[in-house]
Amino acid sequence: MRKIAFALVITLLLSCLVMAADTYQTGKVVKWENATYQQKKNKVGQWVVYYVQTDATTYEVARKKETKPKMQPGDTVQLEVKGNKATVINARGRKEQYQVVGQAQAPGQ
């Protein structure tokens, strides 16, 4: 009886993980560029803006204090967007939080 209960719990946990993984979209870094953002009233900061293309949308994502690119054009990433926040798992498997600073419909849509 314990073996059956254990198997059911494991099955339930694995199915939860599969459903959680479905929220990420596969994307490709199209390009990156250096840009500026308004820090305070008279202060401007530098950051790297990445253009990540999914099936339907191209997202522009950036994060403060990232002044050197960590992703390169052609890199395949996993992307989850919630509001103006994006979680990106890069090609090396590292998860980072970014801010969505722009988006457009992907070409050909």
Protein backbone atom coordinates (compact mmCIF):
# COMPACT_ATOMS: atom_id res chain seq x y z
CA MET A 1 0.00 0.00 0.00
CA ARG A 2 2.85 2.40 0.82
CA LYS A 3 4.48 1.73 -2.54
CA ILE A 4 1.29 2.68 -4.38
CA ALA A 5 0.90 5.87 -2.34
CA PHE A 6 4.55 6.77 -2.94
CA ALA A 7 4.16 6.16 -6.67
CA LEU A 8 1.06 8.39 -6.77
CA VAL A 9 2.86 11.22 -4.94
CA ILE A 10 5.86 11.00 -7.29
CA THR A 11 3.55 10.99 -10.33
CA LEU A 12 1.72 14.05 -9.02
CA LEU A 13 4.96 15.93 -8.37
CA LEU A 14 6.35 15.13 -11.81
CA SER A 15 3.14 16.25 -13.51
CA CYS A 16 3.34 19.58 -11.63
CA LEU A 17 6.89 20.07 -12.88
CA VAL A 18 5.84 19.36 -16.47
CA MET A 19 3.01 21.90 -16.25
CA ALA A 20 5.35 24.51 -14.75
CA ALA A 21 7.85 23.97 -17.58
CA ASP A 22 5.15 24.71 -20.15
CA THR A 23 5.09 28.42 -19.24
CA TYR A 24 8.48 29.00 -20.88
CA GLN A 25 8.73 29.77 -24.59
CA THR A 26 11.70 28.91 -26.72
CA GLY A 27 13.32 32.00 -28.18
CA LYS A 28 16.39 33.04 -30.09
CA VAL A 29 18.59 36.05 -29.42
CA VAL A 30 18.43 38.04 -32.65
CA LYS A 31 20.78 40.84 -31.63
CA TRP A 32 21.90 42.99 -28.73
CA GLU A 33 22.85 46.63 -28.46
CA ASN A 34 24.08 49.09 -25.87
CA ALA A 35 21.47 51.59 -24.74
CA THR A 36 20.81 54.10 -21.98
CA TYR A 37 18.04 54.38 -19.41
CA GLN A 38 16.96 57.15 -17.04
CA GLN A 39 18.23 56.32 -13.54
CA LYS A 40 17.29 59.43 -11.62
CA LYS A 41 16.30 62.96 -12.51
CA ASN A 42 19.58 63.97 -14.18
CA LYS A 43 21.40 60.64 -14.22
CA VAL A 44 21.58 58.20 -17.13
CA GLY A 45 22.71 54.58 -16.91
CA GLN A 46 23.99 52.11 -19.51
CA TRP A 47 22.61 48.64 -20.17
CA VAL A 48 22.56 45.94 -22.82
CA VAL A 49 19.23 45.42 -24.60
CA TYR A 50 18.66 41.94 -26.05
CA TYR A 51 16.18 41.25 -28.85
CA VAL A 52 14.69 37.80 -28.19
CA GLN A 53 12.42 36.40 -30.89
CA THR A 54 9.76 33.79 -30.10
CA ASP A 55 7.21 32.34 -32.54
CA ALA A 56 4.87 35.34 -32.40
CA THR A 57 6.74 38.19 -30.69
CA THR A 58 10.15 39.83 -30.50
CA TYR A 59 10.86 41.04 -26.95
CA GLU A 60 13.42 43.66 -26.00
CA VAL A 61 14.76 42.77 -22.56
CA ALA A 62 17.40 44.43 -20.41
CA ARG A 63 18.53 44.67 -16.82
CA LYS A 64 20.25 47.38 -14.89
CA LYS A 65 23.97 47.11 -14.25
CA GLU A 66 24.49 44.65 -17.13
CA THR A 67 26.87 46.61 -19.33
CA LYS A 68 28.56 43.70 -21.10
CA PRO A 69 26.58 41.17 -23.15
CA LYS A 70 26.05 37.75 -21.59
CA MET A 71 24.12 36.35 -24.57
CA GLN A 72 25.05 36.42 -28.25
CA PRO A 73 22.98 36.45 -31.46
CA GLY A 74 21.95 32.92 -32.37
CA ASP A 75 21.76 31.72 -28.74
CA THR A 76 18.64 29.68 -28.00
CA VAL A 77 16.98 30.66 -24.71
CA GLN A 78 13.89 29.84 -22.68
CA LEU A 79 11.73 32.89 -21.94
CA GLU A 80 8.85 33.46 -19.53
CA VAL A 81 7.14 36.86 -19.63
CA LYS A 82 4.82 38.11 -16.89
CA GLY A 83 3.79 41.73 -17.30
CA ASN A 84 6.95 43.78 -17.75
CA LYS A 85 9.22 41.14 -16.18
CA ALA A 86 10.94 38.36 -18.06
CA THR A 87 12.77 35.31 -16.77
CA VAL A 88 15.37 34.09 -19.23
CA ILE A 89 17.23 30.79 -19.06
CA ASN A 90 20.24 31.35 -21.31
CA ALA A 91 22.10 28.81 -23.46
CA ARG A 92 24.33 27.90 -20.51
CA GLY A 93 21.31 27.09 -18.32
CA ARG A 94 21.61 30.17 -16.12
CA LYS A 95 18.34 31.82 -15.04
CA GLU A 96 18.25 35.65 -14.98
CA GLN A 97 15.52 38.25 -14.37
CA TYR A 98 15.12 40.98 -17.00
CA GLN A 99 12.83 43.92 -17.61
CA VAL A 100 10.77 43.99 -20.81
CA VAL A 101 11.54 47.37 -22.39
CA GLY A 102 9.76 46.77 -25.71
CA GLN A 103 8.03 44.23 -27.85
CA ALA A 104 6.87 43.85 -31.42
CA GLN A 105 5.14 41.29 -33.54
CA ALA A 106 7.66 38.86 -35.02
CA PRO A 107 8.38 39.28 -38.74
CA GLY A 108 6.13 37.26 -41.01
CA GLN A 109 3.18 37.26 -38.62
